[in-house]
Amino acid sequence: MTPSRIILWLSTLSIAAADFVTGQLGDAAQNLNNPNGAAYYAALPSGAGIEGSILASTDGGLGTNFDVNFANLPTEGGPFCMYSAPEEADLI
């Protein structure tokens, strides 16, 4: 592939990516005014053997922080898929 074809291919790809929308109704509007210090906490009921909680919080900026913690998950009976992000992702 020649360099000019590579450049043409990359420019076509960038134009296609710029027109991408997330669903039939389009992209969700960004909320830039999250309340400072808002927090919502949910915990699994005790006594079930599995322990866990989710904390959603804001710092007054863009986005919401989620802290998800689970312990004592079963080791068999799955599949139990797990995804661990290598680092925090920046959202546009």
N, C-alpha and C. Protein backbone atom coordinates (compact mmCIF):
# COMPACT_ATOMS: atom_id res chain seq x y z
N MET A 1 0.85 -1.17 0.00
CA MET A 1 0.00 0.00 0.00
C MET A 1 0.90 1.24 0.00
N THR A 2 0.59 2.16 -0.87
CA THR A 2 1.41 3.37 -0.99
C THR A 2 1.05 4.35 0.12
N PRO A 3 1.97 5.26 0.43
CA PRO A 3 1.69 6.25 1.48
C PRO A 3 0.45 7.09 1.19
N SER A 4 0.21 7.43 -0.08
CA SER A 4 -0.97 8.23 -0.39
C SER A 4 -2.26 7.46 -0.12
N ARG A 5 -2.25 6.15 -0.36
CA ARG A 5 -3.43 5.33 -0.06
C ARG A 5 -3.65 5.21 1.44
N ILE A 6 -2.56 5.12 2.19
CA ILE A 6 -2.68 5.04 3.65
C ILE A 6 -3.29 6.32 4.19
N ILE A 7 -2.83 7.47 3.69
CA ILE A 7 -3.36 8.76 4.13
C ILE A 7 -4.84 8.87 3.77
N LEU A 8 -5.20 8.46 2.56
CA LEU A 8 -6.60 8.49 2.14
C LEU A 8 -7.45 7.60 3.03
N TRP A 9 -6.96 6.40 3.33
CA TRP A 9 -7.69 5.47 4.17
C TRP A 9 -7.88 6.03 5.58
N LEU A 10 -6.82 6.62 6.15
CA LEU A 10 -6.91 7.19 7.49
C LEU A 10 -7.86 8.38 7.54
N SER A 11 -7.84 9.22 6.51
CA SER A 11 -8.75 10.37 6.49
C SER A 11 -10.20 9.92 6.36
N THR A 12 -10.44 8.88 5.58
CA THR A 12 -11.79 8.33 5.47
C THR A 12 -12.25 7.75 6.80
N LEU A 13 -11.35 7.07 7.48
CA LEU A 13 -11.67 6.50 8.78
C LEU A 13 -12.00 7.59 9.79
N SER A 14 -11.25 8.68 9.80
CA SER A 14 -11.50 9.76 10.76
C SER A 14 -12.83 10.45 10.48
N ILE A 15 -13.20 10.59 9.22
CA ILE A 15 -14.49 11.19 8.88
C ILE A 15 -15.62 10.28 9.35
N ALA A 16 -15.47 8.98 9.15
CA ALA A 16 -16.49 8.03 9.59
C ALA A 16 -16.63 8.05 11.10
N ALA A 17 -15.53 8.15 11.81
CA ALA A 17 -15.58 8.19 13.27
C ALA A 17 -16.24 9.46 13.77
N ALA A 18 -16.05 10.57 13.07
CA ALA A 18 -16.63 11.85 13.49
C ALA A 18 -18.15 11.83 13.37
N ASP A 19 -18.71 11.02 12.47
CA ASP A 19 -20.15 10.94 12.27
C ASP A 19 -20.81 9.89 13.14
N PHE A 20 -20.08 9.22 14.00
CA PHE A 20 -20.60 8.13 14.81
C PHE A 20 -21.51 8.67 15.90
N VAL A 21 -22.68 8.06 16.06
CA VAL A 21 -23.58 8.38 17.16
C VAL A 21 -23.85 7.09 17.93
N THR A 22 -24.21 7.23 19.20
CA THR A 22 -24.32 6.06 20.06
C THR A 22 -25.63 5.31 19.94
N GLY A 23 -26.67 5.90 19.41
CA GLY A 23 -27.94 5.20 19.32
C GLY A 23 -28.89 5.89 18.36
N GLN A 24 -30.11 5.37 18.28
CA GLN A 24 -31.09 5.91 17.35
C GLN A 24 -31.47 7.35 17.68
N LEU A 25 -31.39 7.73 18.93
CA LEU A 25 -31.75 9.09 19.33
C LEU A 25 -30.55 10.02 19.35
N GLY A 26 -29.37 9.53 18.97
CA GLY A 26 -28.18 10.37 18.96
C GLY A 26 -27.41 10.27 20.26
N ASP A 27 -26.39 11.08 20.38
CA ASP A 27 -25.54 11.07 21.57
C ASP A 27 -26.25 11.75 22.74
N ALA A 28 -25.95 11.28 23.92
CA ALA A 28 -26.48 11.90 25.13
C ALA A 28 -25.78 13.24 25.37
N ALA A 29 -26.53 14.19 25.87
CA ALA A 29 -25.95 15.50 26.17
C ALA A 29 -25.05 15.40 27.41
N GLN A 30 -23.92 16.08 27.39
CA GLN A 30 -23.03 16.09 28.55
C GLN A 30 -23.60 17.00 29.63
N ASN A 31 -23.47 16.55 30.86
CA ASN A 31 -23.87 17.36 32.00
C ASN A 31 -22.60 17.90 32.63
N LEU A 32 -22.41 19.21 32.56
CA LEU A 32 -21.18 19.82 33.07
C LEU A 32 -21.36 20.41 34.46
N ASN A 33 -22.55 20.32 35.04
CA ASN A 33 -22.82 20.95 36.34
C ASN A 33 -23.25 19.93 37.38
N ASN A 34 -22.54 18.83 37.52
CA ASN A 34 -22.89 17.86 38.56
C ASN A 34 -22.77 18.51 39.93
N PRO A 35 -23.69 18.21 40.84
CA PRO A 35 -23.61 18.81 42.17
C PRO A 35 -22.36 18.33 42.91
N ASN A 36 -21.73 19.22 43.60
CA ASN A 36 -20.52 18.88 44.34
C ASN A 36 -20.88 18.05 45.57
N GLY A 37 -20.26 16.88 45.69
CA GLY A 37 -20.44 16.06 46.88
C GLY A 37 -21.64 15.14 46.87
N ALA A 38 -22.35 15.02 45.76
CA ALA A 38 -23.49 14.09 45.72
C ALA A 38 -22.96 12.66 45.76
N ALA A 39 -23.62 11.80 46.52
CA ALA A 39 -23.17 10.41 46.63
C ALA A 39 -24.37 9.50 46.84
N TYR A 40 -24.31 8.33 46.20
CA TYR A 40 -25.34 7.31 46.35
C TYR A 40 -24.64 5.99 46.64
N TYR A 41 -25.11 5.27 47.66
CA TYR A 41 -24.45 4.05 48.12
C TYR A 41 -25.45 2.91 48.13
N ALA A 42 -25.03 1.76 47.63
CA ALA A 42 -25.86 0.56 47.67
C ALA A 42 -25.00 -0.60 48.15
N ALA A 43 -25.55 -1.44 49.02
CA ALA A 43 -24.81 -2.58 49.55
C ALA A 43 -25.68 -3.82 49.44
N LEU A 44 -25.03 -4.97 49.21
CA LEU A 44 -25.74 -6.24 49.23
C LEU A 44 -26.16 -6.54 50.66
N PRO A 45 -27.31 -7.20 50.83
CA PRO A 45 -27.73 -7.53 52.19
C PRO A 45 -26.75 -8.50 52.84
N SER A 46 -26.53 -8.34 54.13
CA SER A 46 -25.60 -9.23 54.83
C SER A 46 -26.23 -10.60 55.03
N GLY A 47 -25.37 -11.60 55.22
CA GLY A 47 -25.84 -12.95 55.47
C GLY A 47 -25.94 -13.80 54.23
N ALA A 48 -25.73 -13.25 53.05
CA ALA A 48 -25.84 -14.02 51.82
C ALA A 48 -24.52 -14.70 51.46
N GLY A 49 -23.47 -14.41 52.19
CA GLY A 49 -22.16 -14.98 51.89
C GLY A 49 -21.34 -14.10 50.97
N ILE A 50 -21.99 -13.53 49.97
CA ILE A 50 -21.31 -12.59 49.08
C ILE A 50 -21.42 -11.20 49.68
N GLU A 51 -20.34 -10.47 49.70
CA GLU A 51 -20.33 -9.10 50.22
C GLU A 51 -20.07 -8.16 49.07
N GLY A 52 -20.69 -6.97 49.10
CA GLY A 52 -20.43 -6.04 48.03
C GLY A 52 -21.12 -4.71 48.23
N SER A 53 -20.58 -3.72 47.54
CA SER A 53 -21.17 -2.39 47.59
C SER A 53 -20.79 -1.62 46.33
N ILE A 54 -21.61 -0.61 46.04
CA ILE A 54 -21.35 0.31 44.93
C ILE A 54 -21.57 1.72 45.46
N LEU A 55 -20.61 2.60 45.20
CA LEU A 55 -20.70 3.99 45.59
C LEU A 55 -20.58 4.84 44.33
N ALA A 56 -21.59 5.65 44.04
CA ALA A 56 -21.55 6.59 42.92
C ALA A 56 -21.42 7.99 43.52
N SER A 57 -20.42 8.74 43.09
CA SER A 57 -20.20 10.07 43.67
C SER A 57 -19.75 11.05 42.60
N THR A 58 -19.95 12.34 42.91
CA THR A 58 -19.53 13.41 42.01
C THR A 58 -18.60 14.35 42.74
N ASP A 59 -17.80 15.06 41.97
CA ASP A 59 -16.93 16.08 42.57
C ASP A 59 -17.26 17.46 42.03
N GLY A 60 -18.45 17.62 41.44
CA GLY A 60 -18.87 18.91 40.93
C GLY A 60 -18.43 19.17 39.50
N GLY A 61 -17.76 18.22 38.89
CA GLY A 61 -17.28 18.41 37.53
C GLY A 61 -18.06 17.59 36.54
N LEU A 62 -17.35 17.05 35.59
CA LEU A 62 -17.94 16.25 34.52
C LEU A 62 -17.90 14.77 34.90
N GLY A 63 -19.02 14.09 34.84
CA GLY A 63 -19.04 12.66 35.05
C GLY A 63 -19.34 12.25 36.47
N THR A 64 -19.38 10.94 36.64
CA THR A 64 -19.67 10.33 37.94
C THR A 64 -18.61 9.27 38.21
N ASN A 65 -18.14 9.21 39.43
CA ASN A 65 -17.16 8.19 39.84
C ASN A 65 -17.92 7.02 40.45
N PHE A 66 -17.56 5.79 40.02
CA PHE A 66 -18.16 4.59 40.56
C PHE A 66 -17.08 3.76 41.24
N ASP A 67 -17.30 3.42 42.51
CA ASP A 67 -16.43 2.50 43.24
C ASP A 67 -17.25 1.24 43.47
N VAL A 68 -16.80 0.13 42.87
CA VAL A 68 -17.52 -1.14 42.94
C VAL A 68 -16.65 -2.15 43.67
N ASN A 69 -17.18 -2.76 44.71
CA ASN A 69 -16.44 -3.73 45.52
C ASN A 69 -17.29 -4.96 45.77
N PHE A 70 -16.74 -6.14 45.44
CA PHE A 70 -17.39 -7.41 45.74
C PHE A 70 -16.36 -8.35 46.34
N ALA A 71 -16.80 -9.20 47.26
CA ALA A 71 -15.92 -10.17 47.90
C ALA A 71 -16.69 -11.47 48.11
N ASN A 72 -15.95 -12.55 48.28
CA ASN A 72 -16.51 -13.88 48.53
C ASN A 72 -17.39 -14.39 47.39
N LEU A 73 -17.01 -14.06 46.14
CA LEU A 73 -17.75 -14.58 45.00
C LEU A 73 -17.46 -16.07 44.85
N PRO A 74 -18.40 -16.86 44.34
CA PRO A 74 -18.17 -18.29 44.17
C PRO A 74 -17.04 -18.54 43.17
N THR A 75 -16.30 -19.61 43.40
CA THR A 75 -15.19 -19.94 42.50
C THR A 75 -15.62 -20.87 41.38
N GLU A 76 -16.80 -21.47 41.50
CA GLU A 76 -17.28 -22.35 40.43
C GLU A 76 -18.77 -22.11 40.23
N GLY A 77 -19.28 -22.65 39.11
CA GLY A 77 -20.69 -22.47 38.79
C GLY A 77 -20.91 -21.38 37.77
N GLY A 78 -19.81 -20.78 37.27
CA GLY A 78 -19.84 -19.64 36.36
C GLY A 78 -20.39 -19.99 35.00
N PRO A 79 -20.10 -19.25 33.97
CA PRO A 79 -18.90 -18.41 33.89
C PRO A 79 -19.10 -17.08 34.62
N PHE A 80 -18.04 -16.64 35.27
CA PHE A 80 -18.01 -15.35 35.94
C PHE A 80 -16.98 -14.50 35.21
N CYS A 81 -17.46 -13.68 34.29
CA CYS A 81 -16.55 -12.83 33.51
C CYS A 81 -16.17 -11.61 34.35
N MET A 82 -14.94 -11.19 34.20
CA MET A 82 -14.46 -10.02 34.92
C MET A 82 -13.63 -9.16 33.98
N TYR A 83 -13.85 -7.88 34.03
CA TYR A 83 -13.06 -6.94 33.25
C TYR A 83 -12.42 -5.97 34.22
N SER A 84 -11.14 -5.78 34.07
CA SER A 84 -10.41 -4.84 34.91
C SER A 84 -9.70 -3.85 34.01
N ALA A 85 -10.12 -2.60 34.06
CA ALA A 85 -9.49 -1.57 33.23
C ALA A 85 -8.09 -1.29 33.73
N PRO A 86 -7.11 -1.20 32.83
CA PRO A 86 -5.73 -0.96 33.26
C PRO A 86 -5.52 0.41 33.90
N GLU A 87 -6.31 1.38 33.50
CA GLU A 87 -6.23 2.71 34.09
C GLU A 87 -7.53 3.44 33.82
N GLU A 88 -7.71 4.54 34.49
CA GLU A 88 -8.94 5.31 34.32
C GLU A 88 -9.03 5.86 32.91
N ALA A 89 -10.20 5.75 32.31
CA ALA A 89 -10.39 6.22 30.94
C ALA A 89 -10.84 7.67 30.95
N ASP A 90 -10.34 8.45 30.02
CA ASP A 90 -10.78 9.82 29.85
C ASP A 90 -11.97 9.85 28.90
N LEU A 91 -13.04 10.50 29.29
CA LEU A 91 -14.22 10.61 28.45
C LEU A 91 -14.25 12.00 27.82
N ILE A 92 -14.73 12.05 26.61
CA ILE A 92 -14.78 13.33 25.90
C ILE A 92 -16.05 14.05 26.27
